[in-house]
Structures are given as structure tokens and as C-alpha cells.
Amino acid sequence: MKTTLDAGRIMERVLDNLTPGDVPAHKPDLGSCTGWRGPESDGGYAILWIGKKKLFVAHWLYEQEHGPIPAGLEPDHLCHDPDYCEPGPACPHRRCTVLAHLEAVTRRENTVRSGAPPGINARKVVCDYGDDLTDDDNVYVRPSRPHERECVKCRERRRDKLARTQRALAHIAMKKAGQMSLLD
């Protein structure tokens, strides 16, 4: 038997699980977030189960207000700031359902705004060696990984290290095979 609930019943369940939240100290102009006492996804987002289907509450509320989320976009929590918030599921803003705190953005933009390693790397303006990552002439983007960027000097360092490692491994293999001359 398929379980379906109308929007009114889903909204009742959402409202039953909301609790007052705090004003984000880093963005007080947004006002208070909501708390969530209902179930959460493994990632820490507010969810409801409709039969066997998992409903992400922020997505559902956004769509109730604005209509379907356009293809290629996803809701991002404006109340989240990786410089202030705990990473991952512990961040309370993942459970926030205030519509004014949600914005539909591309996955890339959501990732760049996040505290995940790809977001941290995307916001870097210098590489680990201090080379400028804002200068397009100094940045290499692999065709197979267009979402990643690498400093040209770091790319050269990485390639040189790989070549040295491959030569060393070949040398060891030849030595084990007894193919090395006594002069090597």
C-alpha cells in the first residue's frame, strides 16, 4: 500500500518538529534559525519519512514557497558559514528551515560556500607554497577534472616527484631482476 500525505498534513508534521533556534552570531541580520527535533539524515539535515520515502524538509518548504527547484540547483543555507560553524552533521544550520535562510544555487556554489575540503580549496587564493591562485596564467585545470584547479608550479612539482618515483621503482625492479650492471 502506497503512503501519501497531502501538503497540509506534511506541513503539520513539519510544524510539530520545529523549535526556536538561535540567531547566527556571524549573520545576525538574518534573524533566528529554527531548531529541529524530528529525524535527521546521516548528513544532519531535517527530514520526514513519508512511507518509505525520505523528504528533505528544507527542499520541500522551499518548493512550497517558490515552486519546483530548477534543474541544476539546490537549496543552500545562508545562515551557514564555514568560518564559524562546525563541519558536517554537527552544524545546526543544516536543520534550519527558515525560508529567508534558503537560496537556490548550483552545487558548485553550495560546495564553495561549504566547509568541506573542496569548498576550502575553491576559496584559496594562494597554494600551499604561497603561489597566486587568482592569476589565471598561474592556474592549471585538468580537462578530466574541471572542478579542480592547481598552481602551475605545484603541477610541475607533482609531475617531477612522480617521474622521480617511477625512475626509482624501475631502478629497484631492475636491480631485483639482476639486470643492473656493477657500474650503477
N, C-alpha and C. Protein backbone atom coordinates (compact mmCIF):
# COMPACT_ATOMS: atom_id res chain seq x y z
N MET A 1 0.84 -1.18 0.00
CA MET A 1 0.00 0.00 0.00
C MET A 1 0.88 1.25 0.00
N LYS A 2 0.63 2.15 -0.94
CA LYS A 2 1.41 3.37 -1.06
C LYS A 2 0.92 4.41 -0.05
N THR A 3 1.86 5.02 0.67
CA THR A 3 1.51 6.04 1.64
C THR A 3 1.68 7.41 1.00
N THR A 4 0.63 8.22 1.02
CA THR A 4 0.73 9.59 0.53
C THR A 4 0.11 10.50 1.56
N LEU A 5 0.67 11.69 1.66
CA LEU A 5 0.13 12.70 2.56
C LEU A 5 -0.04 13.98 1.77
N ASP A 6 -1.11 14.69 2.04
CA ASP A 6 -1.27 15.96 1.35
C ASP A 6 -0.35 17.00 1.98
N ALA A 7 -0.19 18.12 1.28
CA ALA A 7 0.73 19.17 1.73
C ALA A 7 0.35 19.70 3.11
N GLY A 8 -0.96 19.77 3.39
CA GLY A 8 -1.40 20.26 4.70
C GLY A 8 -0.94 19.37 5.83
N ARG A 9 -1.03 18.06 5.65
CA ARG A 9 -0.60 17.11 6.68
C ARG A 9 0.92 17.13 6.85
N ILE A 10 1.64 17.24 5.73
CA ILE A 10 3.10 17.34 5.81
C ILE A 10 3.48 18.60 6.58
N MET A 11 2.82 19.72 6.28
CA MET A 11 3.13 20.97 6.98
C MET A 11 2.86 20.83 8.47
N GLU A 12 1.78 20.14 8.85
CA GLU A 12 1.51 19.90 10.28
C GLU A 12 2.66 19.15 10.92
N ARG A 13 3.16 18.13 10.23
CA ARG A 13 4.28 17.34 10.77
C ARG A 13 5.54 18.19 10.88
N VAL A 14 5.77 19.05 9.89
CA VAL A 14 6.93 19.94 9.95
C VAL A 14 6.80 20.86 11.15
N LEU A 15 5.67 21.52 11.28
CA LEU A 15 5.48 22.47 12.38
C LEU A 15 5.58 21.79 13.75
N ASP A 16 5.14 20.53 13.85
CA ASP A 16 5.23 19.79 15.11
C ASP A 16 6.69 19.56 15.52
N ASN A 17 7.60 19.57 14.56
CA ASN A 17 9.01 19.27 14.86
C ASN A 17 9.90 20.50 14.96
N LEU A 18 9.34 21.69 14.72
CA LEU A 18 10.16 22.90 14.81
C LEU A 18 10.30 23.37 16.24
N THR A 19 11.46 23.90 16.54
CA THR A 19 11.71 24.52 17.83
C THR A 19 12.39 25.86 17.57
N PRO A 20 12.32 26.78 18.52
CA PRO A 20 13.02 28.05 18.33
C PRO A 20 14.52 27.81 18.21
N GLY A 21 15.15 28.53 17.34
CA GLY A 21 16.59 28.41 17.17
C GLY A 21 17.28 29.71 17.55
N ASP A 22 18.58 29.71 17.40
CA ASP A 22 19.38 30.87 17.76
C ASP A 22 19.61 31.76 16.54
N VAL A 23 19.93 33.01 16.81
CA VAL A 23 20.35 33.92 15.75
C VAL A 23 21.82 33.60 15.47
N PRO A 24 22.18 33.35 14.20
CA PRO A 24 23.59 33.07 13.91
C PRO A 24 24.45 34.29 14.28
N ALA A 25 25.40 34.10 15.17
CA ALA A 25 26.25 35.20 15.63
C ALA A 25 27.01 35.86 14.48
N HIS A 26 27.34 35.07 13.47
CA HIS A 26 28.10 35.59 12.35
C HIS A 26 27.23 36.28 11.29
N LYS A 27 25.90 36.11 11.38
CA LYS A 27 24.97 36.75 10.43
C LYS A 27 23.69 37.15 11.16
N PRO A 28 23.78 38.07 12.12
CA PRO A 28 22.60 38.42 12.91
C PRO A 28 21.49 39.06 12.08
N ASP A 29 21.82 39.66 10.94
CA ASP A 29 20.82 40.30 10.10
C ASP A 29 19.81 39.31 9.52
N LEU A 30 20.15 38.02 9.51
CA LEU A 30 19.22 37.00 9.01
C LEU A 30 18.09 36.71 9.98
N GLY A 31 18.29 37.00 11.25
CA GLY A 31 17.30 36.65 12.26
C GLY A 31 17.49 35.22 12.73
N SER A 32 16.58 34.74 13.56
CA SER A 32 16.70 33.41 14.17
C SER A 32 16.54 32.29 13.16
N CYS A 33 17.29 31.23 13.38
CA CYS A 33 17.10 29.98 12.67
C CYS A 33 16.00 29.20 13.39
N THR A 34 15.61 28.09 12.83
CA THR A 34 14.72 27.18 13.55
C THR A 34 15.55 26.00 14.03
N GLY A 35 15.07 25.39 15.09
CA GLY A 35 15.63 24.13 15.52
C GLY A 35 14.77 23.02 14.96
N TRP A 36 15.24 21.80 15.05
CA TRP A 36 14.51 20.65 14.53
C TRP A 36 14.64 19.50 15.51
N ARG A 37 13.52 19.01 15.99
CA ARG A 37 13.56 17.89 16.93
C ARG A 37 13.14 16.58 16.28
N GLY A 38 12.88 16.63 14.98
CA GLY A 38 12.47 15.43 14.25
C GLY A 38 13.67 14.64 13.75
N PRO A 39 13.42 13.68 12.88
CA PRO A 39 14.52 12.85 12.36
C PRO A 39 15.46 13.66 11.48
N GLU A 40 16.69 13.17 11.41
CA GLU A 40 17.72 13.83 10.60
C GLU A 40 18.34 12.81 9.66
N SER A 41 18.81 13.30 8.52
CA SER A 41 19.55 12.44 7.60
C SER A 41 20.93 12.18 8.18
N ASP A 42 21.67 11.26 7.58
CA ASP A 42 23.05 11.00 8.02
C ASP A 42 23.89 12.26 7.96
N GLY A 43 23.54 13.16 7.03
CA GLY A 43 24.28 14.42 6.88
C GLY A 43 23.83 15.50 7.84
N GLY A 44 22.82 15.22 8.68
CA GLY A 44 22.37 16.18 9.67
C GLY A 44 21.25 17.10 9.22
N TYR A 45 20.64 16.83 8.06
CA TYR A 45 19.55 17.66 7.55
C TYR A 45 18.20 17.18 8.09
N ALA A 46 17.27 18.14 8.30
CA ALA A 46 15.92 17.83 8.77
C ALA A 46 15.20 17.02 7.71
N ILE A 47 14.64 15.88 8.11
CA ILE A 47 13.90 15.03 7.18
C ILE A 47 12.59 14.58 7.81
N LEU A 48 11.70 14.14 6.97
CA LEU A 48 10.49 13.43 7.38
C LEU A 48 10.40 12.19 6.50
N TRP A 49 9.86 11.13 7.04
CA TRP A 49 9.62 9.92 6.26
C TRP A 49 8.16 9.93 5.85
N ILE A 50 7.91 9.84 4.57
CA ILE A 50 6.56 9.72 4.03
C ILE A 50 6.49 8.31 3.46
N GLY A 51 5.96 7.39 4.25
CA GLY A 51 6.04 5.98 3.88
C GLY A 51 7.52 5.58 3.93
N LYS A 52 8.03 5.11 2.81
CA LYS A 52 9.45 4.72 2.74
C LYS A 52 10.29 5.79 2.05
N LYS A 53 9.68 6.93 1.76
CA LYS A 53 10.38 8.00 1.05
C LYS A 53 10.90 9.04 2.04
N LYS A 54 12.17 9.41 1.87
CA LYS A 54 12.78 10.43 2.72
C LYS A 54 12.52 11.80 2.09
N LEU A 55 11.95 12.71 2.88
CA LEU A 55 11.63 14.05 2.42
C LEU A 55 12.55 15.03 3.15
N PHE A 56 13.38 15.74 2.39
CA PHE A 56 14.24 16.77 2.99
C PHE A 56 13.37 18.00 3.22
N VAL A 57 13.23 18.38 4.47
CA VAL A 57 12.27 19.41 4.86
C VAL A 57 12.60 20.75 4.22
N ALA A 58 13.85 21.18 4.21
CA ALA A 58 14.20 22.48 3.62
C ALA A 58 13.86 22.50 2.14
N HIS A 59 14.13 21.41 1.43
CA HIS A 59 13.78 21.33 0.00
C HIS A 59 12.27 21.46 -0.18
N TRP A 60 11.52 20.70 0.62
CA TRP A 60 10.06 20.68 0.49
C TRP A 60 9.48 22.07 0.78
N LEU A 61 9.95 22.71 1.86
CA LEU A 61 9.44 24.04 2.20
C LEU A 61 9.78 25.05 1.12
N TYR A 62 11.00 24.97 0.60
CA TYR A 62 11.41 25.89 -0.47
C TYR A 62 10.47 25.73 -1.67
N GLU A 63 10.18 24.50 -2.04
CA GLU A 63 9.30 24.25 -3.19
C GLU A 63 7.86 24.67 -2.91
N GLN A 64 7.41 24.58 -1.68
CA GLN A 64 6.05 25.03 -1.35
C GLN A 64 5.94 26.54 -1.54
N GLU A 65 7.01 27.25 -1.26
CA GLU A 65 7.00 28.72 -1.36
C GLU A 65 7.31 29.21 -2.78
N HIS A 66 8.31 28.59 -3.43
CA HIS A 66 8.82 29.11 -4.70
C HIS A 66 8.51 28.24 -5.91
N GLY A 67 7.90 27.10 -5.72
CA GLY A 67 7.69 26.17 -6.82
C GLY A 67 8.89 25.23 -6.94
N PRO A 68 8.87 24.35 -7.94
CA PRO A 68 9.96 23.38 -8.08
C PRO A 68 11.33 24.04 -8.18
N ILE A 69 12.30 23.42 -7.56
CA ILE A 69 13.67 23.91 -7.64
C ILE A 69 14.16 23.65 -9.06
N PRO A 70 14.65 24.68 -9.76
CA PRO A 70 15.11 24.49 -11.14
C PRO A 70 16.20 23.42 -11.23
N ALA A 71 16.20 22.70 -12.34
CA ALA A 71 17.22 21.67 -12.57
C ALA A 71 18.61 22.29 -12.44
N GLY A 72 19.48 21.58 -11.78
CA GLY A 72 20.85 22.05 -11.59
C GLY A 72 21.05 22.92 -10.37
N LEU A 73 19.96 23.18 -9.63
CA LEU A 73 20.08 24.00 -8.42
C LEU A 73 19.66 23.18 -7.20
N GLU A 74 20.10 23.64 -6.04
CA GLU A 74 19.75 23.01 -4.77
C GLU A 74 19.71 24.09 -3.70
N PRO A 75 18.91 23.90 -2.64
CA PRO A 75 18.85 24.92 -1.60
C PRO A 75 20.16 24.98 -0.80
N ASP A 76 20.58 26.19 -0.53
CA ASP A 76 21.76 26.41 0.31
C ASP A 76 21.32 27.23 1.51
N HIS A 77 21.86 26.89 2.67
CA HIS A 77 21.52 27.60 3.91
C HIS A 77 22.42 28.83 4.04
N LEU A 78 21.83 30.02 3.91
CA LEU A 78 22.60 31.26 4.03
C LEU A 78 23.09 31.48 5.46
N CYS A 79 22.44 30.85 6.42
CA CYS A 79 22.83 31.00 7.82
C CYS A 79 24.09 30.21 8.15
N HIS A 80 24.53 29.37 7.22
CA HIS A 80 25.75 28.58 7.44
C HIS A 80 26.97 29.38 7.00
N ASP A 81 28.02 29.32 7.78
CA ASP A 81 29.29 29.96 7.41
C ASP A 81 30.40 29.04 7.88
N PRO A 82 31.19 28.50 6.95
CA PRO A 82 32.22 27.53 7.34
C PRO A 82 33.29 28.09 8.27
N ASP A 83 33.42 29.42 8.31
CA ASP A 83 34.41 30.01 9.21
C ASP A 83 33.92 30.03 10.66
N TYR A 84 32.62 29.82 10.89
CA TYR A 84 32.06 29.87 12.24
C TYR A 84 31.38 28.58 12.67
N CYS A 85 30.91 27.80 11.70
CA CYS A 85 30.10 26.63 12.01
C CYS A 85 30.92 25.36 12.14
N GLU A 86 30.38 24.43 12.91
CA GLU A 86 31.01 23.12 13.00
C GLU A 86 30.84 22.42 11.65
N PRO A 87 31.84 21.63 11.25
CA PRO A 87 31.71 20.95 9.96
C PRO A 87 30.75 19.76 10.03
N GLY A 88 30.19 19.44 8.89
CA GLY A 88 29.38 18.23 8.76
C GLY A 88 28.07 18.27 9.52
N PRO A 89 27.57 17.09 9.89
CA PRO A 89 26.24 16.96 10.50
C PRO A 89 26.06 17.73 11.81
N ALA A 90 27.14 18.10 12.47
CA ALA A 90 27.02 18.81 13.74
C ALA A 90 26.56 20.26 13.56
N CYS A 91 26.65 20.80 12.36
CA CYS A 91 26.26 22.19 12.12
C CYS A 91 24.74 22.33 12.30
N PRO A 92 24.30 23.20 13.20
CA PRO A 92 22.85 23.34 13.44
C PRO A 92 22.11 23.95 12.26
N HIS A 93 22.82 24.64 11.38
CA HIS A 93 22.16 25.30 10.26
C HIS A 93 21.67 24.31 9.21
N ARG A 94 22.17 23.08 9.23
CA ARG A 94 21.66 22.07 8.31
C ARG A 94 20.21 21.72 8.62
N ARG A 95 19.79 21.99 9.84
CA ARG A 95 18.42 21.68 10.26
C ARG A 95 17.51 22.91 10.18
N CYS A 96 18.05 24.06 9.82
CA CYS A 96 17.26 25.29 9.74
C CYS A 96 16.28 25.19 8.57
N THR A 97 15.05 25.64 8.80
CA THR A 97 14.02 25.58 7.76
C THR A 97 13.40 26.96 7.50
N VAL A 98 14.05 28.03 7.94
CA VAL A 98 13.54 29.37 7.69
C VAL A 98 13.71 29.68 6.20
N LEU A 99 12.62 29.99 5.52
CA LEU A 99 12.67 30.20 4.07
C LEU A 99 13.61 31.33 3.68
N ALA A 100 13.68 32.38 4.48
CA ALA A 100 14.57 33.50 4.17
C ALA A 100 16.04 33.11 4.29
N HIS A 101 16.32 31.96 4.89
CA HIS A 101 17.69 31.49 5.04
C HIS A 101 18.09 30.53 3.92
N LEU A 102 17.17 30.27 2.99
CA LEU A 102 17.44 29.31 1.90
C LEU A 102 17.54 30.04 0.57
N GLU A 103 18.51 29.63 -0.23
CA GLU A 103 18.70 30.19 -1.56
C GLU A 103 19.03 29.05 -2.51
N ALA A 104 18.39 29.04 -3.68
CA ALA A 104 18.68 28.01 -4.68
C ALA A 104 19.95 28.41 -5.44
N VAL A 105 20.96 27.54 -5.36
CA VAL A 105 22.25 27.80 -6.01
C VAL A 105 22.72 26.52 -6.70
N THR A 106 23.74 26.64 -7.52
CA THR A 106 24.31 25.45 -8.16
C THR A 106 25.04 24.62 -7.10
N ARG A 107 25.25 23.38 -7.40
CA ARG A 107 26.01 22.51 -6.49
C ARG A 107 27.41 23.09 -6.26
N ARG A 108 28.02 23.62 -7.32
CA ARG A 108 29.36 24.21 -7.18
C ARG A 108 29.35 25.36 -6.18
N GLU A 109 28.37 26.26 -6.31
CA GLU A 109 28.29 27.39 -5.39
C GLU A 109 28.06 26.91 -3.97
N ASN A 110 27.20 25.92 -3.79
CA ASN A 110 26.93 25.36 -2.48
C ASN A 110 28.21 24.76 -1.89
N THR A 111 28.97 24.07 -2.74
CA THR A 111 30.23 23.46 -2.28
C THR A 111 31.24 24.54 -1.91
N VAL A 112 31.36 25.57 -2.74
CA VAL A 112 32.31 26.65 -2.47
C VAL A 112 31.98 27.32 -1.14
N ARG A 113 30.71 27.45 -0.83
CA ARG A 113 30.29 28.09 0.43
C ARG A 113 30.44 27.17 1.64
N SER A 114 30.71 25.90 1.40
CA SER A 114 30.73 24.92 2.50
C SER A 114 32.08 24.86 3.20
N GLY A 115 32.11 24.08 4.27
CA GLY A 115 33.35 23.84 5.00
C GLY A 115 34.02 22.55 4.58
N ALA A 116 33.49 21.89 3.54
CA ALA A 116 34.08 20.64 3.04
C ALA A 116 35.41 20.95 2.33
N PRO A 117 36.32 19.98 2.27
CA PRO A 117 37.62 20.23 1.62
C PRO A 117 37.51 20.84 0.23
N PRO A 118 36.59 20.39 -0.65
CA PRO A 118 36.53 21.06 -1.95
C PRO A 118 36.16 22.54 -1.85
N GLY A 119 35.30 22.89 -0.89
CA GLY A 119 34.94 24.29 -0.69
C GLY A 119 36.10 25.10 -0.16
N ILE A 120 36.83 24.53 0.78
CA ILE A 120 38.01 25.21 1.33
C ILE A 120 39.03 25.46 0.22
N ASN A 121 39.28 24.45 -0.59
CA ASN A 121 40.25 24.60 -1.68
C ASN A 121 39.77 25.60 -2.73
N ALA A 122 38.48 25.61 -3.01
CA ALA A 122 37.94 26.54 -4.01
C ALA A 122 38.08 27.99 -3.58
N ARG A 123 38.08 28.24 -2.27
CA ARG A 123 38.21 29.62 -1.76
C ARG A 123 39.65 30.07 -1.61
N LYS A 124 40.61 29.17 -1.77
CA LYS A 124 42.01 29.53 -1.60
C LYS A 124 42.45 30.55 -2.65
N VAL A 125 43.23 31.51 -2.22
CA VAL A 125 43.78 32.49 -3.16
C VAL A 125 45.27 32.27 -3.38
N VAL A 126 45.89 31.44 -2.54
CA VAL A 126 47.28 31.03 -2.74
C VAL A 126 47.37 29.53 -2.51
N CYS A 127 48.33 28.89 -3.18
CA CYS A 127 48.53 27.46 -2.99
C CYS A 127 49.29 27.22 -1.69
N ASP A 128 49.56 25.97 -1.38
CA ASP A 128 50.27 25.63 -0.14
C ASP A 128 51.69 26.19 -0.10
N TYR A 129 52.23 26.54 -1.27
CA TYR A 129 53.58 27.10 -1.34
C TYR A 129 53.56 28.62 -1.47
N GLY A 130 52.37 29.23 -1.43
CA GLY A 130 52.24 30.67 -1.48
C GLY A 130 52.09 31.26 -2.87
N ASP A 131 51.93 30.43 -3.91
CA ASP A 131 51.77 30.94 -5.26
C ASP A 131 50.33 31.41 -5.48
N ASP A 132 50.17 32.47 -6.27
CA ASP A 132 48.89 33.13 -6.52
C ASP A 132 47.94 32.23 -7.31
N LEU A 133 46.74 31.98 -6.76
CA LEU A 133 45.73 31.19 -7.45
C LEU A 133 44.64 32.05 -8.07
N THR A 134 44.79 33.39 -7.97
CA THR A 134 43.82 34.27 -8.60
C THR A 134 44.25 34.67 -10.01
N ASP A 135 45.50 34.39 -10.35
CA ASP A 135 46.04 34.70 -11.68
C ASP A 135 45.79 33.50 -12.60
N ASP A 136 44.93 33.68 -13.60
CA ASP A 136 44.59 32.58 -14.50
C ASP A 136 45.80 31.99 -15.21
N ASP A 137 46.84 32.80 -15.42
CA ASP A 137 48.05 32.29 -16.07
C ASP A 137 48.84 31.35 -15.16
N ASN A 138 48.55 31.38 -13.88
CA ASN A 138 49.27 30.55 -12.91
C ASN A 138 48.45 29.33 -12.48
N VAL A 139 47.26 29.15 -13.07
CA VAL A 139 46.38 28.07 -12.65
C VAL A 139 46.16 27.10 -13.80
N TYR A 140 46.32 25.81 -13.48
CA TYR A 140 46.06 24.75 -14.46
C TYR A 140 44.81 24.01 -14.03
N VAL A 141 43.92 23.77 -14.98
CA VAL A 141 42.70 22.99 -14.73
C VAL A 141 42.77 21.77 -15.63
N ARG A 142 42.81 20.59 -14.99
CA ARG A 142 42.85 19.35 -15.77
C ARG A 142 41.55 19.15 -16.52
N PRO A 143 41.61 18.81 -17.80
CA PRO A 143 40.38 18.58 -18.57
C PRO A 143 39.51 17.49 -17.95
N SER A 144 40.14 16.49 -17.35
CA SER A 144 39.37 15.39 -16.76
C SER A 144 38.78 15.77 -15.40
N ARG A 145 39.22 16.90 -14.82
CA ARG A 145 38.73 17.35 -13.52
C ARG A 145 38.51 18.87 -13.55
N PRO A 146 37.52 19.33 -14.31
CA PRO A 146 37.34 20.78 -14.46
C PRO A 146 36.97 21.51 -13.18
N HIS A 147 36.54 20.78 -12.16
CA HIS A 147 36.19 21.40 -10.88
C HIS A 147 37.40 21.60 -9.98
N GLU A 148 38.57 21.10 -10.39
CA GLU A 148 39.78 21.25 -9.60
C GLU A 148 40.73 22.21 -10.29
N ARG A 149 41.47 22.95 -9.50
CA ARG A 149 42.48 23.83 -10.08
C ARG A 149 43.79 23.59 -9.34
N GLU A 150 44.88 23.83 -10.05
CA GLU A 150 46.19 23.54 -9.49
C GLU A 150 47.15 24.63 -9.95
N CYS A 151 47.97 25.09 -9.05
CA CYS A 151 49.01 26.05 -9.38
C CYS A 151 49.97 25.40 -10.38
N VAL A 152 50.41 26.16 -11.39
CA VAL A 152 51.30 25.62 -12.42
C VAL A 152 52.60 25.09 -11.79
N LYS A 153 53.16 25.83 -10.83
CA LYS A 153 54.40 25.39 -10.18
C LYS A 153 54.17 24.11 -9.38
N CYS A 154 53.02 24.01 -8.70
CA CYS A 154 52.71 22.80 -7.93
C CYS A 154 52.51 21.61 -8.88
N ARG A 155 51.91 21.87 -10.04
CA ARG A 155 51.74 20.80 -11.04
C ARG A 155 53.10 20.28 -11.48
N GLU A 156 54.03 21.21 -11.73
CA GLU A 156 55.39 20.81 -12.12
C GLU A 156 56.06 20.03 -11.00
N ARG A 157 55.91 20.49 -9.75
CA ARG A 157 56.49 19.76 -8.60
C ARG A 157 55.91 18.35 -8.52
N ARG A 158 54.56 18.24 -8.68
CA ARG A 158 53.91 16.94 -8.59
C ARG A 158 54.39 16.02 -9.70
N ARG A 159 54.49 16.54 -10.91
CA ARG A 159 54.92 15.73 -12.05
C ARG A 159 56.38 15.30 -11.89
N ASP A 160 57.25 16.21 -11.40
CA ASP A 160 58.65 15.86 -11.16
C ASP A 160 58.78 14.77 -10.10
N LYS A 161 57.99 14.90 -9.04
CA LYS A 161 58.02 13.89 -7.97
C LYS A 161 57.56 12.54 -8.50
N LEU A 162 56.50 12.54 -9.31
CA LEU A 162 56.01 11.30 -9.91
C LEU A 162 57.07 10.66 -10.80
N ALA A 163 57.74 11.47 -11.61
CA ALA A 163 58.79 10.95 -12.50
C ALA A 163 59.95 10.36 -11.69
N ARG A 164 60.36 11.04 -10.61
CA ARG A 164 61.44 10.52 -9.75
C ARG A 164 61.03 9.19 -9.12
N THR A 165 59.78 9.12 -8.65
CA THR A 165 59.28 7.89 -8.04
C THR A 165 59.26 6.75 -9.04
N GLN A 166 58.80 7.03 -10.26
CA GLN A 166 58.75 5.99 -11.29
C GLN A 166 60.15 5.52 -11.67
N ARG A 167 61.11 6.44 -11.75
CA ARG A 167 62.50 6.04 -12.04
C ARG A 167 63.06 5.18 -10.91
N ALA A 168 62.79 5.57 -9.67
CA ALA A 168 63.29 4.81 -8.53
C ALA A 168 62.69 3.41 -8.51
N LEU A 169 61.39 3.30 -8.79
CA LEU A 169 60.75 1.99 -8.82
C LEU A 169 61.30 1.12 -9.95
N ALA A 170 61.54 1.72 -11.08
CA ALA A 170 62.12 0.97 -12.21
C ALA A 170 63.54 0.50 -11.85
N HIS A 171 64.30 1.35 -11.18
CA HIS A 171 65.65 1.00 -10.76
C HIS A 171 65.61 -0.18 -9.79
N ILE A 172 64.71 -0.15 -8.83
CA ILE A 172 64.57 -1.24 -7.85
C ILE A 172 64.16 -2.53 -8.55
N ALA A 173 63.21 -2.44 -9.46
CA ALA A 173 62.74 -3.63 -10.18
C ALA A 173 63.86 -4.26 -11.01
N MET A 174 64.64 -3.41 -11.66
CA MET A 174 65.75 -3.93 -12.48
C MET A 174 66.82 -4.55 -11.59
N LYS A 175 67.08 -3.94 -10.45
CA LYS A 175 68.08 -4.46 -9.52
C LYS A 175 67.65 -5.83 -9.00
N LYS A 176 66.35 -5.95 -8.65
CA LYS A 176 65.83 -7.23 -8.17
C LYS A 176 65.91 -8.29 -9.26
N ALA A 177 65.72 -7.88 -10.48
CA ALA A 177 65.76 -8.83 -11.60
C ALA A 177 67.19 -9.16 -12.02
N GLY A 178 68.16 -8.51 -11.39
CA GLY A 178 69.57 -8.78 -11.70
C GLY A 178 70.02 -8.16 -13.01
N GLN A 179 69.33 -7.15 -13.46
CA GLN A 179 69.66 -6.54 -14.72
C GLN A 179 70.53 -5.29 -14.57
N MET A 180 70.89 -4.96 -13.36
CA MET A 180 71.71 -3.77 -13.14
C MET A 180 73.19 -4.15 -13.32
N SER A 181 73.93 -3.27 -13.95
CA SER A 181 75.36 -3.52 -14.10
C SER A 181 76.05 -3.13 -12.80
N LEU A 182 77.27 -3.57 -12.65
CA LEU A 182 78.02 -3.25 -11.45
C LEU A 182 78.39 -1.78 -11.38
N LEU A 183 78.31 -1.08 -12.51
CA LEU A 183 78.64 0.33 -12.53
C LEU A 183 77.51 1.22 -12.01
N ASP A 184 76.28 0.71 -11.91
CA ASP A 184 75.13 1.52 -11.47
C ASP A 184 75.15 1.74 -10.00
